């Protein structure tokens, strides 16, 4: 069962049950395969190791973790410019919301990923413990 017209594009659709299961298996296997220093070595059929630096391994595991959680996943290079429609797709809205303090850019103005992150919901702050005197 597929929920997409383009089976490869996970940026515009939710993953299928099979993709979620495959990603969950992959993220578990790759997390366990990491060395103590965070490097991930993947071995080719001929036994040659392809090493992923810790930051790249983290990125791969984050991507697989997102798919394993059933989320739509979009990777956007830091320096890329997005159309307003791409920004809306990332935010899961029909159009990007205007900022309340700054005027919204015209619809044809490219946006940076940093501009889009301003509109993403922020996680709540961690709970604090109340200490009682006495």
C-alpha atoms as a PDB file:
ATOM      1  CA  UNK A   1       0.000   0.000   0.000  1.00  0.00           C
ATOM      2  CA  UNK A   2       1.485   3.344  -1.059  1.00  0.00           C
ATOM      3  CA  UNK A   3       0.318   6.838  -0.230  1.00  0.00           C
ATOM      4  CA  UNK A   4       2.248   8.641  -2.959  1.00  0.00           C
ATOM      5  CA  UNK A   5       2.498   9.195  -6.646  1.00  0.00           C
ATOM      6  CA  UNK A   6       6.284   9.522  -6.390  1.00  0.00           C
ATOM      7  CA  UNK A   7       7.527   6.660  -4.204  1.00  0.00           C
ATOM      8  CA  UNK A   8      10.985   8.195  -3.701  1.00  0.00           C
ATOM      9  CA  UNK A   9       9.982  11.671  -2.478  1.00  0.00           C
ATOM     10  CA  UNK A  10       9.561  11.544   1.307  1.00  0.00           C
ATOM     11  CA  UNK A  11       9.566  15.339   1.487  1.00  0.00           C
ATOM     12  CA  UNK A  12       5.983  15.567   0.286  1.00  0.00           C
ATOM     13  CA  UNK A  13       4.348  12.486   1.774  1.00  0.00           C
ATOM     14  CA  UNK A  14       4.292  10.334   4.840  1.00  0.00           C
ATOM     15  CA  UNK A  15       6.339   7.127   4.758  1.00  0.00           C
ATOM     16  CA  UNK A  16       4.572   3.838   4.181  1.00  0.00           C
ATOM     17  CA  UNK A  17       4.386   1.168   6.898  1.00  0.00           C
ATOM     18  CA  UNK A  18       7.135  -0.764   5.125  1.00  0.00           C
ATOM     19  CA  UNK A  19       9.374   2.332   4.937  1.00  0.00           C
ATOM     20  CA  UNK A  20       8.777   3.027   8.638  1.00  0.00           C
ATOM     21  CA  UNK A  21       9.705  -0.557   9.542  1.00  0.00           C
ATOM     22  CA  UNK A  22      12.801  -0.532   7.303  1.00  0.00           C
ATOM     23  CA  UNK A  23      13.957   2.814   8.732  1.00  0.00           C
ATOM     24  CA  UNK A  24      13.454   1.566  12.307  1.00  0.00           C
ATOM     25  CA  UNK A  25      15.540  -1.531  11.604  1.00  0.00           C
ATOM     26  CA  UNK A  26      18.229   0.526   9.859  1.00  0.00           C
ATOM     27  CA  UNK A  27      18.499   3.169  12.588  1.00  0.00           C
ATOM     28  CA  UNK A  28      18.810   0.459  15.255  1.00  0.00           C
ATOM     29  CA  UNK A  29      21.452  -1.477  13.311  1.00  0.00           C
ATOM     30  CA  UNK A  30      23.464   1.612  12.420  1.00  0.00           C
ATOM     31  CA  UNK A  31      23.327   3.004  15.961  1.00  0.00           C
ATOM     32  CA  UNK A  32      24.696  -0.273  17.306  1.00  0.00           C
ATOM     33  CA  UNK A  33      27.392  -0.363  14.596  1.00  0.00           C
ATOM     34  CA  UNK A  34      28.890   2.988  15.604  1.00  0.00           C
ATOM     35  CA  UNK A  35      32.290   2.955  17.205  1.00  0.00           C
ATOM     36  CA  UNK A  36      32.915   4.535  20.593  1.00  0.00           C
ATOM     37  CA  UNK A  37      34.197   7.680  18.871  1.00  0.00           C
ATOM     38  CA  UNK A  38      30.933   8.056  16.906  1.00  0.00           C
ATOM     39  CA  UNK A  39      32.366   6.961  13.544  1.00  0.00           C
ATOM     40  CA  UNK A  40      30.092   4.679  11.552  1.00  0.00           C
ATOM     41  CA  UNK A  41      31.754   2.147   9.238  1.00  0.00           C
ATOM     42  CA  UNK A  42      29.631   0.510   6.560  1.00  0.00           C
ATOM     43  CA  UNK A  43      31.233  -2.430   4.792  1.00  0.00           C
ATOM     44  CA  UNK A  44      30.880  -3.005   1.055  1.00  0.00           C
ATOM     45  CA  UNK A  45      30.425  -6.478  -0.405  1.00  0.00           C
ATOM     46  CA  UNK A  46      34.200  -6.701  -0.981  1.00  0.00           C
ATOM     47  CA  UNK A  47      34.816  -5.967   2.728  1.00  0.00           C
ATOM     48  CA  UNK A  48      36.089  -2.446   2.174  1.00  0.00           C
ATOM     49  CA  UNK A  49      34.864  -0.066   4.877  1.00  0.00           C
ATOM     50  CA  UNK A  50      33.224   3.253   4.072  1.00  0.00           C
ATOM     51  CA  UNK A  51      33.598   5.499   7.119  1.00  0.00           C
ATOM     52  CA  UNK A  52      31.108   8.200   8.066  1.00  0.00           C
ATOM     53  CA  UNK A  53      32.340  10.932  10.395  1.00  0.00           C
ATOM     54  CA  UNK A  54      30.289  11.356  13.588  1.00  0.00           C
ATOM     55  CA  UNK A  55      28.439  14.471  12.355  1.00  0.00           C
ATOM     56  CA  UNK A  56      27.433  12.712   9.120  1.00  0.00           C
ATOM     57  CA  UNK A  57      26.448   9.560  11.016  1.00  0.00           C
ATOM     58  CA  UNK A  58      24.271  11.730  13.298  1.00  0.00           C
ATOM     59  CA  UNK A  59      22.578  13.260  10.248  1.00  0.00           C
ATOM     60  CA  UNK A  60      21.875   9.835   8.712  1.00  0.00           C
ATOM     61  CA  UNK A  61      20.519   8.511  12.018  1.00  0.00           C
ATOM     62  CA  UNK A  62      18.342  11.617  12.483  1.00  0.00           C
ATOM     63  CA  UNK A  63      16.924  11.202   8.986  1.00  0.00           C
ATOM     64  CA  UNK A  64      16.184   7.507   9.536  1.00  0.00           C
ATOM     65  CA  UNK A  65      14.754   8.279  12.974  1.00  0.00           C
ATOM     66  CA  UNK A  66      12.346  10.781  11.424  1.00  0.00           C
ATOM     67  CA  UNK A  67      11.155   8.226   8.875  1.00  0.00           C
ATOM     68  CA  UNK A  68      10.942   5.528  11.574  1.00  0.00           C
ATOM     69  CA  UNK A  69       8.678   7.886  13.544  1.00  0.00           C
ATOM     70  CA  UNK A  70       6.396   8.214  10.529  1.00  0.00           C
ATOM     71  CA  UNK A  71       7.295  11.817   9.733  1.00  0.00           C
ATOM     72  CA  UNK A  72       7.723  13.557   6.408  1.00  0.00           C
ATOM     73  CA  UNK A  73      11.453  14.249   6.019  1.00  0.00           C
ATOM     74  CA  UNK A  74      13.033  17.076   4.051  1.00  0.00           C
ATOM     75  CA  UNK A  75      16.750  17.859   3.948  1.00  0.00           C
ATOM     76  CA  UNK A  76      17.584  21.437   3.047  1.00  0.00           C
ATOM     77  CA  UNK A  77      21.207  22.570   2.659  1.00  0.00           C
ATOM     78  CA  UNK A  78      21.987  25.539   4.911  1.00  0.00           C
ATOM     79  CA  UNK A  79      22.823  27.889   2.041  1.00  0.00           C
ATOM     80  CA  UNK A  80      19.817  26.929  -0.075  1.00  0.00           C
ATOM     81  CA  UNK A  81      17.090  29.405  -0.851  1.00  0.00           C
ATOM     82  CA  UNK A  82      13.499  28.186  -0.700  1.00  0.00           C
ATOM     83  CA  UNK A  83      10.432  29.341  -2.537  1.00  0.00           C
ATOM     84  CA  UNK A  84       7.494  30.330  -0.376  1.00  0.00           C
ATOM     85  CA  UNK A  85       5.748  27.128  -1.447  1.00  0.00           C
ATOM     86  CA  UNK A  86       8.719  25.013  -0.327  1.00  0.00           C
ATOM     87  CA  UNK A  87       8.736  26.870   2.988  1.00  0.00           C
ATOM     88  CA  UNK A  88       5.001  26.249   3.362  1.00  0.00           C
ATOM     89  CA  UNK A  89       5.524  22.538   2.641  1.00  0.00           C
ATOM     90  CA  UNK A  90       8.209  22.303   5.334  1.00  0.00           C
ATOM     91  CA  UNK A  91       5.927  24.078   7.807  1.00  0.00           C
ATOM     92  CA  UNK A  92       2.906  21.970   6.771  1.00  0.00           C
ATOM     93  CA  UNK A  93       0.833  25.062   6.052  1.00  0.00           C
ATOM     94  CA  UNK A  94      -0.882  26.278   2.907  1.00  0.00           C
ATOM     95  CA  UNK A  95       1.197  29.492   2.936  1.00  0.00           C
ATOM     96  CA  UNK A  96       3.941  30.695   5.263  1.00  0.00           C
ATOM     97  CA  UNK A  97       2.458  32.790   8.078  1.00  0.00           C
ATOM     98  CA  UNK A  98       3.514  36.442   8.208  1.00  0.00           C
ATOM     99  CA  UNK A  99       5.751  37.465  11.088  1.00  0.00           C
ATOM    100  CA  UNK A 100       4.033  39.673  13.593  1.00  0.00           C
ATOM    101  CA  UNK A 101       7.037  41.965  14.120  1.00  0.00           C
ATOM    102  CA  UNK A 102       8.416  42.003  10.570  1.00  0.00           C
ATOM    103  CA  UNK A 103       6.489  42.339   7.350  1.00  0.00           C
ATOM    104  CA  UNK A 104       6.283  39.081   5.425  1.00  0.00           C
ATOM    105  CA  UNK A 105       8.465  38.939   2.315  1.00  0.00           C
ATOM    106  CA  UNK A 106       6.702  39.183  -1.033  1.00  0.00           C
ATOM    107  CA  UNK A 107       5.556  35.826  -2.381  1.00  0.00           C
ATOM    108  CA  UNK A 108       8.305  35.723  -5.028  1.00  0.00           C
ATOM    109  CA  UNK A 109      11.131  36.410  -2.554  1.00  0.00           C
ATOM    110  CA  UNK A 110      13.343  33.375  -1.857  1.00  0.00           C
ATOM    111  CA  UNK A 111      13.664  32.418   1.804  1.00  0.00           C
ATOM    112  CA  UNK A 112      16.621  30.938   3.617  1.00  0.00           C
ATOM    113  CA  UNK A 113      16.176  27.882   5.865  1.00  0.00           C
ATOM    114  CA  UNK A 114      16.886  30.202   8.835  1.00  0.00           C
ATOM    115  CA  UNK A 115      13.913  32.370   7.794  1.00  0.00           C
ATOM    116  CA  UNK A 116      11.709  29.272   7.762  1.00  0.00           C
ATOM    117  CA  UNK A 117      12.952  28.013  11.143  1.00  0.00           C
ATOM    118  CA  UNK A 118      11.581  31.203  12.729  1.00  0.00           C
ATOM    119  CA  UNK A 119       8.077  29.831  12.067  1.00  0.00           C
ATOM    120  CA  UNK A 120       8.699  26.310  13.359  1.00  0.00           C
ATOM    121  CA  UNK A 121       7.123  25.530  16.725  1.00  0.00           C
ATOM    122  CA  UNK A 122       9.635  25.652  19.528  1.00  0.00           C
ATOM    123  CA  UNK A 123       9.736  22.846  22.079  1.00  0.00           C
ATOM    124  CA  UNK A 124       8.620  23.865  25.554  1.00  0.00           C
ATOM    125  CA  UNK A 125      11.385  24.606  28.041  1.00  0.00           C
ATOM    126  CA  UNK A 126      12.392  21.696  30.275  1.00  0.00           C
ATOM    127  CA  UNK A 127      10.474  21.534  33.549  1.00  0.00           C
ATOM    128  CA  UNK A 128      12.229  22.982  36.537  1.00  0.00           C
ATOM    129  CA  UNK A 129      12.231  21.445  39.983  1.00  0.00           C
ATOM    130  CA  UNK A 130      10.925  23.548  42.798  1.00  0.00           C
ATOM    131  CA  UNK A 131      13.059  23.363  45.863  1.00  0.00           C
ATOM    132  CA  UNK A 132      11.473  23.917  49.249  1.00  0.00           C
ATOM    133  CA  UNK A 133      13.446  25.445  52.042  1.00  0.00           C
ATOM    134  CA  UNK A 134      13.544  23.608  55.270  1.00  0.00           C
END
